[in-house]
Amino acid sequence: MVVLITFLVIIVLVCLLAMMYFMWVILENMRVVCKEVPTKNIDYIVILGCISLGTKVSKQLQNRLDLALEIFNKNSDAEFVCTGSRKELSLMREYLESKVNNAPIITCYSSFGTWSGILMSSIETFDGDVILCTSDYHIARCRLVLRYLDLRYSIIACDGVNTPIHTFIESIKCFLTATLRFGGV
């Protein structure tokens, strides 16, 4: 009985250490990303949706949209590719059109999160240079999905409206995405 309990404790400790290591790797990956707006020719600027309550874009989504506008100002031939729920798409279109006259906007309805947002955007952007605008806490999960789909997007991140607990929760979501959807990293 003592041997069984000892064995179970060792297994639990090994699992915890593995999870802590994986979270450390995720947090380290989150730091390695383009923070400066590229000046090369970008064909598409993909903006991942973000939950917005009410009739205005959330602060998180506004940060992503402002970053996309900054890129657009240096790459005026680029097109916006917005992904998200119908409500998010409507708010994103409204926000972008208020900042850019005749903004070239492609909308990709994908209410199921990061996975479907990136997948749907890839259908629209299969033949160009693409940059993905997201929040800093979201980078690791985006990289997993991009790697799984074998897409060559650049990623640029705005500062997120997040707390350490938010980052911790995101790292757990990334861990679950990697293990449940992709069968491990």
Protein backbone atom coordinates (compact mmCIF):
# COMPACT_ATOMS: atom_id res chain seq x y z
CA MET A 1 0.00 0.00 0.00
CA VAL A 2 2.84 2.39 0.89
CA VAL A 3 4.55 1.58 -2.41
CA LEU A 4 1.36 2.40 -4.34
CA ILE A 5 0.92 5.74 -2.58
CA THR A 6 4.58 6.60 -3.13
CA PHE A 7 4.24 5.70 -6.81
CA LEU A 8 1.15 7.90 -7.20
CA VAL A 9 2.85 10.82 -5.47
CA ILE A 10 5.83 10.52 -7.80
CA ILE A 11 3.56 10.44 -10.85
CA VAL A 12 1.69 13.55 -9.64
CA LEU A 13 4.97 15.40 -8.99
CA VAL A 14 6.34 14.50 -12.42
CA CYS A 15 3.10 15.69 -14.06
CA LEU A 16 3.22 18.97 -12.14
CA LEU A 17 6.86 19.54 -13.08
CA ALA A 18 6.07 18.81 -16.74
CA MET A 19 3.16 21.25 -16.68
CA MET A 20 5.27 23.93 -14.98
CA TYR A 21 7.99 23.46 -17.61
CA PHE A 22 5.44 23.68 -20.43
CA MET A 23 3.97 26.89 -18.96
CA TRP A 24 7.47 28.35 -18.70
CA VAL A 25 8.08 27.53 -22.37
CA ILE A 26 4.77 29.17 -23.29
CA LEU A 27 5.56 32.32 -21.33
CA GLU A 28 9.02 32.51 -22.93
CA ASN A 29 7.48 32.12 -26.41
CA MET A 30 5.11 34.96 -25.68
CA ARG A 31 8.03 37.37 -25.39
CA VAL A 32 9.59 36.58 -28.78
CA VAL A 33 7.38 38.45 -31.22
CA CYS A 34 7.47 41.48 -33.47
CA LYS A 35 6.63 44.60 -31.46
CA GLU A 36 7.51 47.10 -34.19
CA VAL A 37 5.17 47.79 -37.06
CA PRO A 38 6.64 46.31 -40.25
CA THR A 39 7.25 48.60 -43.18
CA LYS A 40 7.48 45.85 -45.81
CA ASN A 41 4.61 45.17 -48.15
CA ILE A 42 1.83 43.45 -46.25
CA ASP A 43 -1.09 42.12 -48.29
CA TYR A 44 -3.44 41.20 -45.44
CA ILE A 45 -3.80 42.32 -41.84
CA VAL A 46 -5.68 39.63 -39.91
CA ILE A 47 -7.38 40.85 -36.73
CA LEU A 48 -8.63 38.20 -34.35
CA GLY A 49 -11.92 39.05 -32.68
CA CYS A 50 -12.34 39.55 -28.97
CA ILE A 51 -15.43 39.56 -26.78
CA SER A 52 -17.12 42.95 -26.66
CA LEU A 53 -20.00 43.57 -24.32
CA GLY A 54 -22.31 46.40 -25.20
CA THR A 55 -22.30 48.51 -28.34
CA LYS A 56 -18.63 49.53 -28.42
CA VAL A 57 -15.47 47.54 -29.03
CA SER A 58 -13.77 46.33 -25.85
CA LYS A 59 -10.46 47.85 -24.82
CA GLN A 60 -8.70 44.62 -25.81
CA LEU A 61 -10.24 44.64 -29.29
CA GLN A 62 -9.62 48.37 -29.68
CA ASN A 63 -5.90 47.77 -29.00
CA ARG A 64 -5.84 45.12 -31.75
CA LEU A 65 -7.70 47.38 -34.18
CA ASP A 66 -5.43 50.35 -33.43
CA LEU A 67 -2.39 48.19 -34.08
CA ALA A 68 -3.92 47.05 -37.39
CA LEU A 69 -4.56 50.69 -38.32
CA GLU A 70 -0.95 51.54 -37.53
CA ILE A 71 0.19 48.77 -39.89
CA PHE A 72 -2.30 49.92 -42.53
CA ASN A 73 -0.91 53.47 -42.36
CA LYS A 74 2.50 52.08 -43.42
CA ASN A 75 1.03 49.54 -45.90
CA SER A 76 -1.93 51.32 -47.49
CA ASP A 77 -2.45 48.59 -50.12
CA ALA A 78 -3.18 46.01 -47.43
CA GLU A 79 -6.63 44.65 -46.70
CA PHE A 80 -8.12 44.09 -43.26
CA VAL A 81 -9.31 40.55 -42.54
CA CYS A 82 -11.54 40.58 -39.47
CA THR A 83 -12.51 37.35 -37.71
CA GLY A 84 -15.02 36.79 -34.93
CA SER A 85 -18.69 36.53 -34.14
CA ARG A 86 -21.28 38.53 -36.07
CA LYS A 87 -21.42 41.14 -33.32
CA GLU A 88 -17.62 41.46 -33.17
CA LEU A 89 -17.43 41.74 -36.97
CA SER A 90 -20.03 44.48 -36.98
CA LEU A 91 -18.22 46.44 -34.26
CA MET A 92 -14.85 45.93 -35.97
CA ARG A 93 -16.16 47.11 -39.33
CA GLU A 94 -17.78 50.15 -37.73
CA TYR A 95 -14.56 51.05 -35.87
CA LEU A 96 -12.29 50.63 -38.90
CA GLU A 97 -14.61 52.56 -41.21
CA SER A 98 -14.71 55.43 -38.70
CA LYS A 99 -10.91 55.67 -38.97
CA VAL A 100 -10.33 54.89 -42.69
CA ASN A 101 -12.58 55.99 -45.54
CA ASN A 102 -13.50 53.05 -47.79
CA ALA A 103 -11.48 50.66 -45.66
CA PRO A 104 -10.80 47.40 -47.54
CA ILE A 105 -12.37 44.93 -45.10
CA ILE A 106 -12.89 41.20 -45.53
CA THR A 107 -14.99 39.61 -42.80
CA CYS A 108 -14.64 35.97 -41.76
CA TYR A 109 -17.42 34.74 -39.50
CA SER A 110 -15.85 32.41 -36.96
CA SER A 111 -17.50 32.40 -33.57
CA PHE A 112 -15.54 29.44 -32.25
CA GLY A 113 -12.32 31.11 -31.13
CA THR A 114 -8.69 31.29 -32.17
CA TRP A 115 -8.66 28.02 -34.12
CA SER A 116 -11.57 28.87 -36.42
CA GLY A 117 -10.53 32.53 -36.70
CA ILE A 118 -7.12 31.64 -38.07
CA LEU A 119 -8.51 28.83 -40.23
CA MET A 120 -11.16 31.08 -41.81
CA SER A 121 -8.66 33.88 -42.39
CA SER A 122 -6.33 31.46 -44.20
CA ILE A 123 -9.04 30.82 -46.79
CA GLU A 124 -9.12 34.54 -47.64
CA THR A 125 -5.35 35.14 -47.48
CA PHE A 126 -3.82 32.11 -49.17
CA ASP A 127 -1.77 34.10 -51.68
CA GLY A 128 -0.10 36.95 -49.84
CA ASP A 129 2.06 38.25 -47.03
CA VAL A 130 -0.02 38.15 -43.87
CA ILE A 131 0.43 39.66 -40.45
CA LEU A 132 -1.73 38.57 -37.53
CA CYS A 133 -2.71 41.22 -34.97
CA THR A 134 -3.49 39.89 -31.53
CA SER A 135 -2.84 40.57 -27.87
CA ASP A 136 0.40 39.69 -26.13
CA TYR A 137 -1.15 37.01 -23.92
CA HIS A 138 -2.59 35.27 -27.02
CA ILE A 139 0.64 34.71 -28.94
CA ALA A 140 1.49 31.20 -27.77
CA ARG A 141 -1.89 29.74 -28.71
CA CYS A 142 -1.81 31.51 -32.09
CA ARG A 143 1.61 30.01 -32.78
CA LEU A 144 0.34 26.52 -31.97
CA VAL A 145 -2.57 26.90 -34.38
CA LEU A 146 -0.40 28.44 -37.11
CA ARG A 147 2.13 25.63 -36.77
CA TYR A 148 -0.59 22.99 -36.88
CA LEU A 149 -2.16 24.54 -39.99
CA ASP A 150 1.30 25.08 -41.53
CA LEU A 151 0.67 28.78 -42.11
CA ARG A 152 3.47 31.33 -42.43
CA TYR A 153 1.90 34.38 -40.82
CA SER A 154 3.94 37.02 -39.04
CA ILE A 155 2.55 37.89 -35.63
CA ILE A 156 2.47 41.31 -34.04
CA ALA A 157 1.08 41.87 -30.59
CA CYS A 158 -0.43 44.84 -28.88
CA ASP A 159 -0.24 45.20 -25.15
CA GLY A 160 -3.00 43.19 -23.59
CA VAL A 161 -5.39 44.36 -20.95
CA ASN A 162 -4.48 41.53 -18.68
CA THR A 163 -3.25 40.58 -15.26
CA PRO A 164 -0.87 37.81 -14.16
CA ILE A 165 -3.88 35.57 -13.46
CA HIS A 166 -5.15 36.24 -17.00
CA THR A 167 -1.76 35.19 -18.41
CA PHE A 168 -1.79 32.07 -16.23
CA ILE A 169 -5.28 31.12 -17.44
CA GLU A 170 -4.19 31.69 -21.06
CA SER A 171 -1.18 29.42 -20.55
CA ILE A 172 -3.50 26.69 -19.23
CA LYS A 173 -5.77 27.14 -22.29
CA CYS A 174 -2.71 26.85 -24.50
CA PHE A 175 -1.63 23.68 -22.69
CA LEU A 176 -5.09 22.19 -23.17
CA THR A 177 -5.17 23.22 -26.83
CA ALA A 178 -1.83 21.55 -27.41
CA THR A 179 -2.66 18.34 -25.61
CA LEU A 180 -6.33 17.83 -26.45
CA ARG A 181 -6.61 19.22 -29.98
CA PHE A 182 -3.12 18.60 -31.34
CA GLY A 183 -2.15 15.52 -29.35
CA GLY A 184 0.81 17.18 -27.70
CA VAL A 185 3.45 19.65 -28.74
